[in-house]
Full PDB file with SEQRES, HELIX, SHEET, SSBOND, CRYST1, ORIGX, SCALE, CONECT and MASTER records, all heavy atoms in Angstrom:
SEQRES   1 A   39  PHE LEU GLY GLY SER PHE TYR SER VAL HIS MET LEU PRO          
SEQRES   2 A   39  PRO PHE TRP GLN LYS VAL THR LEU PHE ASN PRO VAL VAL          
SEQRES   3 A   39  TYR LEU VAL SER GLY PHE ARG TRP SER PHE TYR ASP LEU          
HELIX    1 AA1 VAL A    9  MET A   11  5                                   3    
HELIX    2 AA2 PRO A   14  THR A   20  1                                   7    
HELIX    3 AA3 PRO A   24  TYR A   37  1                                  14    
CRYST1    1.000    1.000    1.000  90.00  90.00  90.00 P 1           1          
ORIGX1      1.000000  0.000000  0.000000        0.00000                         
ORIGX2      0.000000  1.000000  0.000000        0.00000                         
ORIGX3      0.000000  0.000000  1.000000        0.00000                         
SCALE1      1.000000  0.000000  0.000000        0.00000                         
SCALE2      0.000000  1.000000  0.000000        0.00000                         
SCALE3      0.000000  0.000000  1.000000        0.00000                         
ATOM      1  N   PHE A   1      51.222 -29.911 -11.174  1.00  0.00           N  
ATOM      2  CA  PHE A   1      52.327 -30.638 -11.801  1.00  0.00           C  
ATOM      3  C   PHE A   1      53.192 -29.698 -12.649  1.00  0.00           C  
ATOM      4  O   PHE A   1      54.405 -29.920 -12.768  1.00  0.00           O  
ATOM      5  CB  PHE A   1      51.781 -31.766 -12.691  1.00  0.00           C  
ATOM      6  CG  PHE A   1      51.505 -33.024 -11.914  1.00  0.00           C  
ATOM      7  CD1 PHE A   1      50.239 -33.298 -11.425  1.00  0.00           C  
ATOM      8  CD2 PHE A   1      52.511 -33.938 -11.663  1.00  0.00           C  
ATOM      9  CE1 PHE A   1      49.980 -34.454 -10.714  1.00  0.00           C  
ATOM     10  CE2 PHE A   1      52.263 -35.101 -10.947  1.00  0.00           C  
ATOM     11  CZ  PHE A   1      50.986 -35.361 -10.489  1.00  0.00           C  
ATOM     12  N   LEU A   2      52.569 -28.655 -13.208  1.00  0.00           N  
ATOM     13  CA  LEU A   2      53.328 -27.703 -14.028  1.00  0.00           C  
ATOM     14  C   LEU A   2      53.793 -26.493 -13.217  1.00  0.00           C  
ATOM     15  O   LEU A   2      54.304 -25.533 -13.791  1.00  0.00           O  
ATOM     16  CB  LEU A   2      52.451 -27.219 -15.202  1.00  0.00           C  
ATOM     17  CG  LEU A   2      52.023 -28.311 -16.186  1.00  0.00           C  
ATOM     18  CD1 LEU A   2      51.041 -27.750 -17.195  1.00  0.00           C  
ATOM     19  CD2 LEU A   2      53.237 -28.909 -16.900  1.00  0.00           C  
ATOM     20  N   GLY A   3      53.597 -26.542 -11.911  1.00  0.00           N  
ATOM     21  CA  GLY A   3      53.932 -25.406 -11.070  1.00  0.00           C  
ATOM     22  C   GLY A   3      55.246 -25.548 -10.308  1.00  0.00           C  
ATOM     23  O   GLY A   3      55.437 -24.862  -9.295  1.00  0.00           O  
ATOM     24  N   GLY A   4      56.120 -26.426 -10.750  1.00  0.00           N  
ATOM     25  CA  GLY A   4      57.409 -26.573 -10.085  1.00  0.00           C  
ATOM     26  C   GLY A   4      57.399 -27.513  -8.892  1.00  0.00           C  
ATOM     27  O   GLY A   4      58.304 -27.440  -8.066  1.00  0.00           O  
ATOM     28  N   SER A   5      56.390 -28.382  -8.801  1.00  0.00           N  
ATOM     29  CA  SER A   5      56.342 -29.296  -7.666  1.00  0.00           C  
ATOM     30  C   SER A   5      57.494 -30.299  -7.691  1.00  0.00           C  
ATOM     31  O   SER A   5      58.035 -30.685  -6.650  1.00  0.00           O  
ATOM     32  CB  SER A   5      55.014 -30.072  -7.679  1.00  0.00           C  
ATOM     33  OG  SER A   5      53.916 -29.184  -7.507  1.00  0.00           O  
ATOM     34  N   PHE A   6      57.883 -30.732  -8.885  1.00  0.00           N  
ATOM     35  CA  PHE A   6      58.902 -31.754  -9.026  1.00  0.00           C  
ATOM     36  C   PHE A   6      60.160 -31.261  -9.742  1.00  0.00           C  
ATOM     37  O   PHE A   6      61.019 -32.057 -10.096  1.00  0.00           O  
ATOM     38  CB  PHE A   6      58.332 -32.964  -9.776  1.00  0.00           C  
ATOM     39  CG  PHE A   6      57.108 -33.532  -9.113  1.00  0.00           C  
ATOM     40  CD1 PHE A   6      55.848 -33.293  -9.622  1.00  0.00           C  
ATOM     41  CD2 PHE A   6      57.225 -34.296  -7.956  1.00  0.00           C  
ATOM     42  CE1 PHE A   6      54.722 -33.818  -9.008  1.00  0.00           C  
ATOM     43  CE2 PHE A   6      56.111 -34.810  -7.333  1.00  0.00           C  
ATOM     44  CZ  PHE A   6      54.849 -34.573  -7.853  1.00  0.00           C  
ATOM     45  N   TYR A   7      60.243 -29.976  -9.968  1.00  0.00           N  
ATOM     46  CA  TYR A   7      61.407 -29.414 -10.616  1.00  0.00           C  
ATOM     47  C   TYR A   7      61.503 -27.930 -10.277  1.00  0.00           C  
ATOM     48  O   TYR A   7      60.531 -27.334  -9.788  1.00  0.00           O  
ATOM     49  CB  TYR A   7      61.332 -29.588 -12.141  1.00  0.00           C  
ATOM     50  CG  TYR A   7      60.102 -28.966 -12.768  1.00  0.00           C  
ATOM     51  CD1 TYR A   7      60.113 -27.632 -13.181  1.00  0.00           C  
ATOM     52  CD2 TYR A   7      58.933 -29.680 -12.913  1.00  0.00           C  
ATOM     53  CE1 TYR A   7      58.987 -27.043 -13.742  1.00  0.00           C  
ATOM     54  CE2 TYR A   7      57.806 -29.116 -13.475  1.00  0.00           C  
ATOM     55  CZ  TYR A   7      57.832 -27.796 -13.880  1.00  0.00           C  
ATOM     56  OH  TYR A   7      56.701 -27.202 -14.412  1.00  0.00           O  
ATOM     57  N   SER A   8      62.657 -27.360 -10.556  1.00  0.00           N  
ATOM     58  CA  SER A   8      62.821 -25.918 -10.376  1.00  0.00           C  
ATOM     59  C   SER A   8      62.472 -25.209 -11.674  1.00  0.00           C  
ATOM     60  O   SER A   8      62.824 -25.675 -12.761  1.00  0.00           O  
ATOM     61  CB  SER A   8      64.270 -25.604  -9.982  1.00  0.00           C  
ATOM     62  OG  SER A   8      64.501 -24.208  -9.998  1.00  0.00           O  
ATOM     63  N   VAL A   9      61.786 -24.103 -11.570  1.00  0.00           N  
ATOM     64  CA  VAL A   9      61.436 -23.338 -12.759  1.00  0.00           C  
ATOM     65  C   VAL A   9      62.690 -22.890 -13.490  1.00  0.00           C  
ATOM     66  O   VAL A   9      62.693 -22.749 -14.726  1.00  0.00           O  
ATOM     67  CB  VAL A   9      60.571 -22.123 -12.362  1.00  0.00           C  
ATOM     68  CG1 VAL A   9      60.336 -21.196 -13.560  1.00  0.00           C  
ATOM     69  CG2 VAL A   9      59.235 -22.595 -11.789  1.00  0.00           C  
ATOM     70  N   HIS A  10      63.775 -22.708 -12.766  1.00  0.00           N  
ATOM     71  CA  HIS A  10      65.036 -22.264 -13.378  1.00  0.00           C  
ATOM     72  C   HIS A  10      65.623 -23.314 -14.299  1.00  0.00           C  
ATOM     73  O   HIS A  10      66.550 -23.024 -15.075  1.00  0.00           O  
ATOM     74  CB  HIS A  10      66.042 -21.883 -12.304  1.00  0.00           C  
ATOM     75  CG  HIS A  10      65.601 -20.747 -11.442  1.00  0.00           C  
ATOM     76  ND1 HIS A  10      65.170 -19.547 -11.957  1.00  0.00           N  
ATOM     77  CD2 HIS A  10      65.512 -20.626 -10.084  1.00  0.00           C  
ATOM     78  CE1 HIS A  10      64.841 -18.726 -10.962  1.00  0.00           C  
ATOM     79  NE2 HIS A  10      65.043 -19.369  -9.815  1.00  0.00           N  
ATOM     80  N   MET A  11      65.125 -24.558 -14.213  1.00  0.00           N  
ATOM     81  CA  MET A  11      65.618 -25.619 -15.086  1.00  0.00           C  
ATOM     82  C   MET A  11      64.989 -25.548 -16.469  1.00  0.00           C  
ATOM     83  O   MET A  11      65.439 -26.251 -17.377  1.00  0.00           O  
ATOM     84  CB  MET A  11      65.327 -26.996 -14.441  1.00  0.00           C  
ATOM     85  CG  MET A  11      65.989 -27.206 -13.098  1.00  0.00           C  
ATOM     86  SD  MET A  11      65.389 -28.642 -12.213  1.00  0.00           S  
ATOM     87  CE  MET A  11      65.955 -29.961 -13.296  1.00  0.00           C  
ATOM     88  N   LEU A  12      63.964 -24.710 -16.626  1.00  0.00           N  
ATOM     89  CA  LEU A  12      63.257 -24.609 -17.908  1.00  0.00           C  
ATOM     90  C   LEU A  12      63.970 -23.607 -18.821  1.00  0.00           C  
ATOM     91  O   LEU A  12      64.719 -22.739 -18.338  1.00  0.00           O  
ATOM     92  CB  LEU A  12      61.820 -24.146 -17.681  1.00  0.00           C  
ATOM     93  CG  LEU A  12      60.922 -25.050 -16.816  1.00  0.00           C  
ATOM     94  CD1 LEU A  12      59.583 -24.369 -16.585  1.00  0.00           C  
ATOM     95  CD2 LEU A  12      60.726 -26.404 -17.482  1.00  0.00           C  
ATOM     96  N   PRO A  13      63.728 -23.684 -20.141  1.00  0.00           N  
ATOM     97  CA  PRO A  13      64.239 -22.651 -21.066  1.00  0.00           C  
ATOM     98  C   PRO A  13      63.667 -21.290 -20.695  1.00  0.00           C  
ATOM     99  O   PRO A  13      62.581 -21.198 -20.098  1.00  0.00           O  
ATOM    100  CB  PRO A  13      63.733 -23.131 -22.434  1.00  0.00           C  
ATOM    101  CG  PRO A  13      63.511 -24.589 -22.265  1.00  0.00           C  
ATOM    102  CD  PRO A  13      63.070 -24.782 -20.852  1.00  0.00           C  
ATOM    103  N   PRO A  14      64.347 -20.199 -21.041  1.00  0.00           N  
ATOM    104  CA  PRO A  14      63.898 -18.845 -20.643  1.00  0.00           C  
ATOM    105  C   PRO A  14      62.454 -18.545 -21.025  1.00  0.00           C  
ATOM    106  O   PRO A  14      61.716 -17.933 -20.228  1.00  0.00           O  
ATOM    107  CB  PRO A  14      64.886 -17.918 -21.383  1.00  0.00           C  
ATOM    108  CG  PRO A  14      66.117 -18.740 -21.532  1.00  0.00           C  
ATOM    109  CD  PRO A  14      65.653 -20.153 -21.732  1.00  0.00           C  
ATOM    110  N   PHE A  15      62.035 -18.947 -22.214  1.00  0.00           N  
ATOM    111  CA  PHE A  15      60.662 -18.662 -22.632  1.00  0.00           C  
ATOM    112  C   PHE A  15      59.644 -19.314 -21.715  1.00  0.00           C  
ATOM    113  O   PHE A  15      58.673 -18.676 -21.289  1.00  0.00           O  
ATOM    114  CB  PHE A  15      60.454 -19.136 -24.079  1.00  0.00           C  
ATOM    115  CG  PHE A  15      59.024 -19.020 -24.537  1.00  0.00           C  
ATOM    116  CD1 PHE A  15      58.481 -17.797 -24.890  1.00  0.00           C  
ATOM    117  CD2 PHE A  15      58.220 -20.152 -24.599  1.00  0.00           C  
ATOM    118  CE1 PHE A  15      57.157 -17.700 -25.290  1.00  0.00           C  
ATOM    119  CE2 PHE A  15      56.889 -20.059 -25.004  1.00  0.00           C  
ATOM    120  CZ  PHE A  15      56.366 -18.830 -25.338  1.00  0.00           C  
ATOM    121  N   TRP A  16      59.866 -20.611 -21.399  1.00  0.00           N  
ATOM    122  CA  TRP A  16      58.911 -21.331 -20.550  1.00  0.00           C  
ATOM    123  C   TRP A  16      58.981 -20.880 -19.104  1.00  0.00           C  
ATOM    124  O   TRP A  16      58.004 -21.037 -18.358  1.00  0.00           O  
ATOM    125  CB  TRP A  16      59.152 -22.822 -20.672  1.00  0.00           C  
ATOM    126  CG  TRP A  16      58.767 -23.342 -22.026  1.00  0.00           C  
ATOM    127  CD1 TRP A  16      59.603 -23.776 -23.024  1.00  0.00           C  
ATOM    128  CD2 TRP A  16      57.442 -23.424 -22.541  1.00  0.00           C  
ATOM    129  NE1 TRP A  16      58.864 -24.131 -24.137  1.00  0.00           N  
ATOM    130  CE2 TRP A  16      57.540 -23.936 -23.864  1.00  0.00           C  
ATOM    131  CE3 TRP A  16      56.170 -23.123 -22.051  1.00  0.00           C  
ATOM    132  CZ2 TRP A  16      56.424 -24.134 -24.675  1.00  0.00           C  
ATOM    133  CZ3 TRP A  16      55.064 -23.319 -22.841  1.00  0.00           C  
ATOM    134  CH2 TRP A  16      55.193 -23.835 -24.138  1.00  0.00           C  
ATOM    135  N   GLN A  17      60.110 -20.332 -18.699  1.00  0.00           N  
ATOM    136  CA  GLN A  17      60.181 -19.746 -17.354  1.00  0.00           C  
ATOM    137  C   GLN A  17      59.184 -18.595 -17.233  1.00  0.00           C  
ATOM    138  O   GLN A  17      58.494 -18.458 -16.219  1.00  0.00           O  
ATOM    139  CB  GLN A  17      61.601 -19.243 -17.059  1.00  0.00           C  
ATOM    140  CG  GLN A  17      62.623 -20.336 -16.843  1.00  0.00           C  
ATOM    141  CD  GLN A  17      63.969 -19.786 -16.450  1.00  0.00           C  
ATOM    142  OE1 GLN A  17      64.047 -18.726 -15.821  1.00  0.00           O  
ATOM    143  NE2 GLN A  17      65.037 -20.500 -16.777  1.00  0.00           N  
ATOM    144  N   LYS A  18      59.117 -17.769 -18.265  1.00  0.00           N  
ATOM    145  CA  LYS A  18      58.191 -16.632 -18.250  1.00  0.00           C  
ATOM    146  C   LYS A  18      56.739 -17.106 -18.325  1.00  0.00           C  
ATOM    147  O   LYS A  18      55.858 -16.570 -17.647  1.00  0.00           O  
ATOM    148  CB  LYS A  18      58.498 -15.684 -19.404  1.00  0.00           C  
ATOM    149  CG  LYS A  18      59.879 -15.049 -19.318  1.00  0.00           C  
ATOM    150  CD  LYS A  18      60.166 -14.150 -20.505  1.00  0.00           C  
ATOM    151  CE  LYS A  18      61.557 -13.542 -20.407  1.00  0.00           C  
ATOM    152  NZ  LYS A  18      61.885 -12.690 -21.597  1.00  0.00           N  
ATOM    153  N   VAL A  19      56.479 -18.123 -19.145  1.00  0.00           N  
ATOM    154  CA  VAL A  19      55.114 -18.670 -19.257  1.00  0.00           C  
ATOM    155  C   VAL A  19      54.672 -19.257 -17.931  1.00  0.00           C  
ATOM    156  O   VAL A  19      53.503 -19.084 -17.515  1.00  0.00           O  
ATOM    157  CB  VAL A  19      55.062 -19.734 -20.382  1.00  0.00           C  
ATOM    158  CG1 VAL A  19      53.693 -20.432 -20.385  1.00  0.00           C  
ATOM    159  CG2 VAL A  19      55.332 -19.082 -21.725  1.00  0.00           C  
ATOM    160  N   THR A  20      55.575 -19.975 -17.263  1.00  0.00           N  
ATOM    161  CA  THR A  20      55.239 -20.619 -15.999  1.00  0.00           C  
ATOM    162  C   THR A  20      54.812 -19.633 -14.926  1.00  0.00           C  
ATOM    163  O   THR A  20      54.018 -19.966 -14.036  1.00  0.00           O  
ATOM    164  CB  THR A  20      56.446 -21.446 -15.506  1.00  0.00           C  
ATOM    165  OG1 THR A  20      56.826 -22.369 -16.512  1.00  0.00           O  
ATOM    166  CG2 THR A  20      56.111 -22.202 -14.228  1.00  0.00           C  
ATOM    167  N   LEU A  21      55.312 -18.412 -14.994  1.00  0.00           N  
ATOM    168  CA  LEU A  21      54.987 -17.425 -13.972  1.00  0.00           C  
ATOM    169  C   LEU A  21      53.499 -17.018 -14.011  1.00  0.00           C  
ATOM    170  O   LEU A  21      53.008 -16.392 -13.082  1.00  0.00           O  
ATOM    171  CB  LEU A  21      55.862 -16.167 -14.149  1.00  0.00           C  
ATOM    172  CG  LEU A  21      57.355 -16.370 -13.881  1.00  0.00           C  
ATOM    173  CD1 LEU A  21      58.125 -15.078 -14.126  1.00  0.00           C  
ATOM    174  CD2 LEU A  21      57.584 -16.878 -12.460  1.00  0.00           C  
ATOM    175  N   PHE A  22      52.783 -17.393 -15.069  1.00  0.00           N  
ATOM    176  CA  PHE A  22      51.338 -17.152 -15.121  1.00  0.00           C  
ATOM    177  C   PHE A  22      50.554 -18.224 -14.373  1.00  0.00           C  
ATOM    178  O   PHE A  22      49.336 -18.115 -14.226  1.00  0.00           O  
ATOM    179  CB  PHE A  22      50.860 -17.082 -16.574  1.00  0.00           C  
ATOM    180  CG  PHE A  22      51.310 -15.841 -17.299  1.00  0.00           C  
ATOM    181  CD1 PHE A  22      52.449 -15.860 -18.112  1.00  0.00           C  
ATOM    182  CD2 PHE A  22      50.627 -14.645 -17.154  1.00  0.00           C  
ATOM    183  CE1 PHE A  22      52.870 -14.729 -18.773  1.00  0.00           C  
ATOM    184  CE2 PHE A  22      51.031 -13.489 -17.815  1.00  0.00           C  
ATOM    185  CZ  PHE A  22      52.169 -13.528 -18.618  1.00  0.00           C  
ATOM    186  N   ASN A  23      51.244 -19.251 -13.941  1.00  0.00           N  
ATOM    187  CA  ASN A  23      50.612 -20.319 -13.177  1.00  0.00           C  
ATOM    188  C   ASN A  23      50.596 -19.938 -11.700  1.00  0.00           C  
ATOM    189  O   ASN A  23      51.654 -19.809 -11.086  1.00  0.00           O  
ATOM    190  CB  ASN A  23      51.401 -21.612 -13.382  1.00  0.00           C  
ATOM    191  CG  ASN A  23      50.783 -22.801 -12.629  1.00  0.00           C  
ATOM    192  OD1 ASN A  23      49.855 -22.636 -11.847  1.00  0.00           O  
ATOM    193  ND2 ASN A  23      51.322 -23.973 -12.899  1.00  0.00           N  
ATOM    194  N   PRO A  24      49.432 -19.730 -11.091  1.00  0.00           N  
ATOM    195  CA  PRO A  24      49.397 -19.287  -9.693  1.00  0.00           C  
ATOM    196  C   PRO A  24      49.981 -20.288  -8.708  1.00  0.00           C  
ATOM    197  O   PRO A  24      50.460 -19.888  -7.629  1.00  0.00           O  
ATOM    198  CB  PRO A  24      47.896 -19.073  -9.437  1.00  0.00           C  
ATOM    199  CG  PRO A  24      47.206 -19.916 -10.466  1.00  0.00           C  
ATOM    200  CD  PRO A  24      48.092 -19.901 -11.656  1.00  0.00           C  
ATOM    201  N   VAL A  25      49.974 -21.557  -9.057  1.00  0.00           N  
ATOM    202  CA  VAL A  25      50.497 -22.574  -8.138  1.00  0.00           C  
ATOM    203  C   VAL A  25      52.003 -22.431  -7.969  1.00  0.00           C  
ATOM    204  O   VAL A  25      52.570 -22.817  -6.934  1.00  0.00           O  
ATOM    205  CB  VAL A  25      50.130 -23.989  -8.650  1.00  0.00           C  
ATOM    206  CG1 VAL A  25      50.725 -25.057  -7.738  1.00  0.00           C  
ATOM    207  CG2 VAL A  25      48.616 -24.144  -8.711  1.00  0.00           C  
ATOM    208  N   VAL A  26      52.692 -21.857  -8.964  1.00  0.00           N  
ATOM    209  CA  VAL A  26      54.129 -21.641  -8.859  1.00  0.00           C  
ATOM    210  C   VAL A  26      54.463 -20.844  -7.615  1.00  0.00           C  
ATOM    211  O   VAL A  26      55.439 -21.144  -6.893  1.00  0.00           O  
ATOM    212  CB  VAL A  26      54.665 -20.902 -10.124  1.00  0.00           C  
ATOM    213  CG1 VAL A  26      56.082 -20.407  -9.893  1.00  0.00           C  
ATOM    214  CG2 VAL A  26      54.615 -21.830 -11.319  1.00  0.00           C  
ATOM    215  N   TYR A  27      53.674 -19.831  -7.312  1.00  0.00           N  
ATOM    216  CA  TYR A  27      53.949 -18.963  -6.174  1.00  0.00           C  
ATOM    217  C   TYR A  27      53.721 -19.692  -4.844  1.00  0.00           C  
ATOM    218  O   TYR A  27      54.440 -19.446  -3.878  1.00  0.00           O  
ATOM    219  CB  TYR A  27      53.083 -17.705  -6.262  1.00  0.00           C  
ATOM    220  CG  TYR A  27      53.315 -16.937  -7.542  1.00  0.00           C  
ATOM    221  CD1 TYR A  27      52.537 -17.182  -8.676  1.00  0.00           C  
ATOM    222  CD2 TYR A  27      54.337 -16.010  -7.659  1.00  0.00           C  
ATOM    223  CE1 TYR A  27      52.761 -16.500  -9.873  1.00  0.00           C  
ATOM    224  CE2 TYR A  27      54.579 -15.327  -8.824  1.00  0.00           C  
ATOM    225  CZ  TYR A  27      53.782 -15.566  -9.934  1.00  0.00           C  
ATOM    226  OH  TYR A  27      54.021 -14.902 -11.110  1.00  0.00           O  
ATOM    227  N   LEU A  28      52.733 -20.580  -4.825  1.00  0.00           N  
ATOM    228  CA  LEU A  28      52.479 -21.364  -3.604  1.00  0.00           C  
ATOM    229  C   LEU A  28      53.624 -22.318  -3.352  1.00  0.00           C  
ATOM    230  O   LEU A  28      54.149 -22.406  -2.226  1.00  0.00           O  
ATOM    231  CB  LEU A  28      51.157 -22.142  -3.763  1.00  0.00           C  
ATOM    232  CG  LEU A  28      49.894 -21.322  -4.029  1.00  0.00           C  
ATOM    233  CD1 LEU A  28      48.710 -22.256  -4.216  1.00  0.00           C  
ATOM    234  CD2 LEU A  28      49.618 -20.369  -2.879  1.00  0.00           C  
ATOM    235  N   VAL A  29      54.009 -23.075  -4.379  1.00  0.00           N  
ATOM    236  CA  VAL A  29      55.069 -24.063  -4.227  1.00  0.00           C  
ATOM    237  C   VAL A  29      56.403 -23.382  -3.917  1.00  0.00           C  
ATOM    238  O   VAL A  29      57.155 -23.826  -3.043  1.00  0.00           O  
ATOM    239  CB  VAL A  29      55.186 -24.939  -5.478  1.00  0.00           C  
ATOM    240  CG1 VAL A  29      56.397 -25.875  -5.379  1.00  0.00           C  
ATOM    241  CG2 VAL A  29      53.916 -25.725  -5.721  1.00  0.00           C  
ATOM    242  N   SER A  30      56.673 -22.269  -4.608  1.00  0.00           N  
ATOM    243  CA  SER A  30      57.948 -21.580  -4.406  1.00  0.00           C  
ATOM    244  C   SER A  30      58.065 -21.041  -2.978  1.00  0.00           C  
ATOM    245  O   SER A  30      59.094 -21.218  -2.324  1.00  0.00           O  
ATOM    246  CB  SER A  30      58.053 -20.420  -5.411  1.00  0.00           C  
ATOM    247  OG  SER A  30      59.225 -19.677  -5.183  1.00  0.00           O  
ATOM    248  N   GLY A  31      57.024 -20.403  -2.486  1.00  0.00           N  
ATOM    249  CA  GLY A  31      57.046 -19.885  -1.123  1.00  0.00           C  
ATOM    250  C   GLY A  31      57.165 -20.983  -0.070  1.00  0.00           C  
ATOM    251  O   GLY A  31      57.891 -20.857   0.913  1.00  0.00           O  
ATOM    252  N   PHE A  32      56.428 -22.071  -0.327  1.00  0.00           N  
ATOM    253  CA  PHE A  32      56.476 -23.198   0.607  1.00  0.00           C  
ATOM    254  C   PHE A  32      57.857 -23.843   0.611  1.00  0.00           C  
ATOM    255  O   PHE A  32      58.379 -24.194   1.677  1.00  0.00           O  
ATOM    256  CB  PHE A  32      55.404 -24.218   0.218  1.00  0.00           C  
ATOM    257  CG  PHE A  32      55.050 -25.175   1.299  1.00  0.00           C  
ATOM    258  CD1 PHE A  32      54.584 -24.740   2.531  1.00  0.00           C  
ATOM    259  CD2 PHE A  32      55.192 -26.540   1.115  1.00  0.00           C  
ATOM    260  CE1 PHE A  32      54.257 -25.623   3.541  1.00  0.00           C  
ATOM    261  CE2 PHE A  32      54.862 -27.459   2.110  1.00  0.00           C  
ATOM    262  CZ  PHE A  32      54.395 -26.978   3.325  1.00  0.00           C  
ATOM    263  N   ARG A  33      58.453 -23.990  -0.571  1.00  0.00           N  
ATOM    264  CA  ARG A  33      59.809 -24.598  -0.636  1.00  0.00           C  
ATOM    265  C   ARG A  33      60.858 -23.692   0.006  1.00  0.00           C  
ATOM    266  O   ARG A  33      61.804 -24.165   0.616  1.00  0.00           O  
ATOM    267  CB  ARG A  33      60.156 -24.879  -2.105  1.00  0.00           C  
ATOM    268  CG  ARG A  33      61.535 -25.544  -2.280  1.00  0.00           C  
ATOM    269  CD  ARG A  33      61.749 -25.989  -3.700  1.00  0.00           C  
ATOM    270  NE  ARG A  33      60.918 -27.144  -4.024  1.00  0.00           N  
ATOM    271  CZ  ARG A  33      60.152 -27.242  -5.117  1.00  0.00           C  
ATOM    272  NH1 ARG A  33      60.095 -26.221  -5.958  1.00  0.00           N  
ATOM    273  NH2 ARG A  33      59.460 -28.326  -5.330  1.00  0.00           N  
ATOM    274  N   TRP A  34      60.657 -22.362  -0.107  1.00  0.00           N  
ATOM    275  CA  TRP A  34      61.597 -21.455   0.534  1.00  0.00           C  
ATOM    276  C   TRP A  34      61.624 -21.644   2.026  1.00  0.00           C  
ATOM    277  O   TRP A  34      62.685 -21.536   2.656  1.00  0.00           O  
ATOM    278  CB  TRP A  34      61.223 -20.002   0.183  1.00  0.00           C  
ATOM    279  CG  TRP A  34      62.150 -18.995   0.802  1.00  0.00           C  
ATOM    280  CD1 TRP A  34      63.309 -18.518   0.253  1.00  0.00           C  
ATOM    281  CD2 TRP A  34      62.002 -18.323   2.059  1.00  0.00           C  
ATOM    282  NE1 TRP A  34      63.901 -17.603   1.094  1.00  0.00           N  
ATOM    283  CE2 TRP A  34      63.112 -17.475   2.229  1.00  0.00           C  
ATOM    284  CE3 TRP A  34      61.037 -18.383   3.046  1.00  0.00           C  
ATOM    285  CZ2 TRP A  34      63.273 -16.684   3.345  1.00  0.00           C  
ATOM    286  CZ3 TRP A  34      61.204 -17.602   4.186  1.00  0.00           C  
ATOM    287  CH2 TRP A  34      62.302 -16.763   4.331  1.00  0.00           C  
ATOM    288  N   SER A  35      60.451 -21.919   2.599  1.00  0.00           N  
ATOM    289  CA  SER A  35      60.392 -22.104   4.038  1.00  0.00           C  
ATOM    290  C   SER A  35      61.158 -23.339   4.497  1.00  0.00           C  
ATOM    291  O   SER A  35      61.575 -23.442   5.649  1.00  0.00           O  
ATOM    292  CB  SER A  35      58.941 -22.200   4.521  1.00  0.00           C  
ATOM    293  OG  SER A  35      58.348 -23.412   4.067  1.00  0.00           O  
ATOM    294  N   PHE A  36      61.399 -24.286   3.573  1.00  0.00           N  
ATOM    295  CA  PHE A  36      62.160 -25.493   3.884  1.00  0.00           C  
ATOM    296  C   PHE A  36      63.672 -25.259   3.694  1.00  0.00           C  
ATOM    297  O   PHE A  36      64.460 -25.566   4.573  1.00  0.00           O  
ATOM    298  CB  PHE A  36      61.704 -26.651   2.993  1.00  0.00           C  
ATOM    299  CG  PHE A  36      60.460 -27.333   3.465  1.00  0.00           C  
ATOM    300  CD1 PHE A  36      59.233 -26.721   3.346  1.00  0.00           C  
ATOM    301  CD2 PHE A  36      60.508 -28.602   4.019  1.00  0.00           C  
ATOM    302  CE1 PHE A  36      58.076 -27.337   3.776  1.00  0.00           C  
ATOM    303  CE2 PHE A  36      59.354 -29.237   4.455  1.00  0.00           C  
ATOM    304  CZ  PHE A  36      58.129 -28.593   4.338  1.00  0.00           C  
ATOM    305  N   TYR A  37      64.042 -24.767   2.488  1.00  0.00           N  
ATOM    306  CA  TYR A  37      65.449 -24.799   2.097  1.00  0.00           C  
ATOM    307  C   TYR A  37      66.038 -23.439   1.704  1.00  0.00           C  
ATOM    308  O   TYR A  37      67.162 -23.392   1.213  1.00  0.00           O  
ATOM    309  CB  TYR A  37      65.648 -25.762   0.918  1.00  0.00           C  
ATOM    310  CG  TYR A  37      65.005 -27.104   1.120  1.00  0.00           C  
ATOM    311  CD1 TYR A  37      64.018 -27.547   0.240  1.00  0.00           C  
ATOM    312  CD2 TYR A  37      65.358 -27.919   2.192  1.00  0.00           C  
ATOM    313  CE1 TYR A  37      63.415 -28.774   0.412  1.00  0.00           C  
ATOM    314  CE2 TYR A  37      64.768 -29.147   2.376  1.00  0.00           C  
ATOM    315  CZ  TYR A  37      63.789 -29.589   1.488  1.00  0.00           C  
ATOM    316  OH  TYR A  37      63.191 -30.800   1.660  1.00  0.00           O  
ATOM    317  N   ASP A  38      65.278 -22.367   1.874  1.00  0.00           N  
ATOM    318  CA  ASP A  38      65.762 -21.042   1.427  1.00  0.00           C  
ATOM    319  C   ASP A  38      65.945 -21.000  -0.101  1.00  0.00           C  
ATOM    320  O   ASP A  38      66.729 -20.208  -0.601  1.00  0.00           O  
ATOM    321  CB  ASP A  38      67.086 -20.657   2.107  1.00  0.00           C  
ATOM    322  CG  ASP A  38      66.865 -20.091   3.506  1.00  0.00           C  
ATOM    323  OD1 ASP A  38      65.822 -19.437   3.712  1.00  0.00           O  
ATOM    324  OD2 ASP A  38      67.711 -20.310   4.372  1.00  0.00           O  
ATOM    325  N   LEU A  39      65.199 -21.850  -0.805  1.00  0.00           N  
ATOM    326  CA  LEU A  39      65.245 -21.869  -2.269  1.00  0.00           C  
ATOM    327  C   LEU A  39      63.881 -21.439  -2.797  1.00  0.00           C  
ATOM    328  O   LEU A  39      62.849 -21.889  -2.301  1.00  0.00           O  
ATOM    329  CB  LEU A  39      65.545 -23.278  -2.775  1.00  0.00           C  
ATOM    330  CG  LEU A  39      66.902 -23.907  -2.397  1.00  0.00           C  
ATOM    331  CD1 LEU A  39      66.987 -25.318  -2.927  1.00  0.00           C  
ATOM    332  CD2 LEU A  39      68.040 -23.059  -2.940  1.00  0.00           C  
TER     333      LEU A  39                                                      
MASTER        0    0    0    3    0    0    0    6  332    1    0    3          
END                                                                             
């Protein structure tokens, strides 16, 4: 839920964007979403 499943990490404040990158699920969701929409 905190890995960008329902939102873009870029929508977060800069500090929380950096914190979110320590969440491994972010990389799974991001790569999977890229395969759909190039995002």
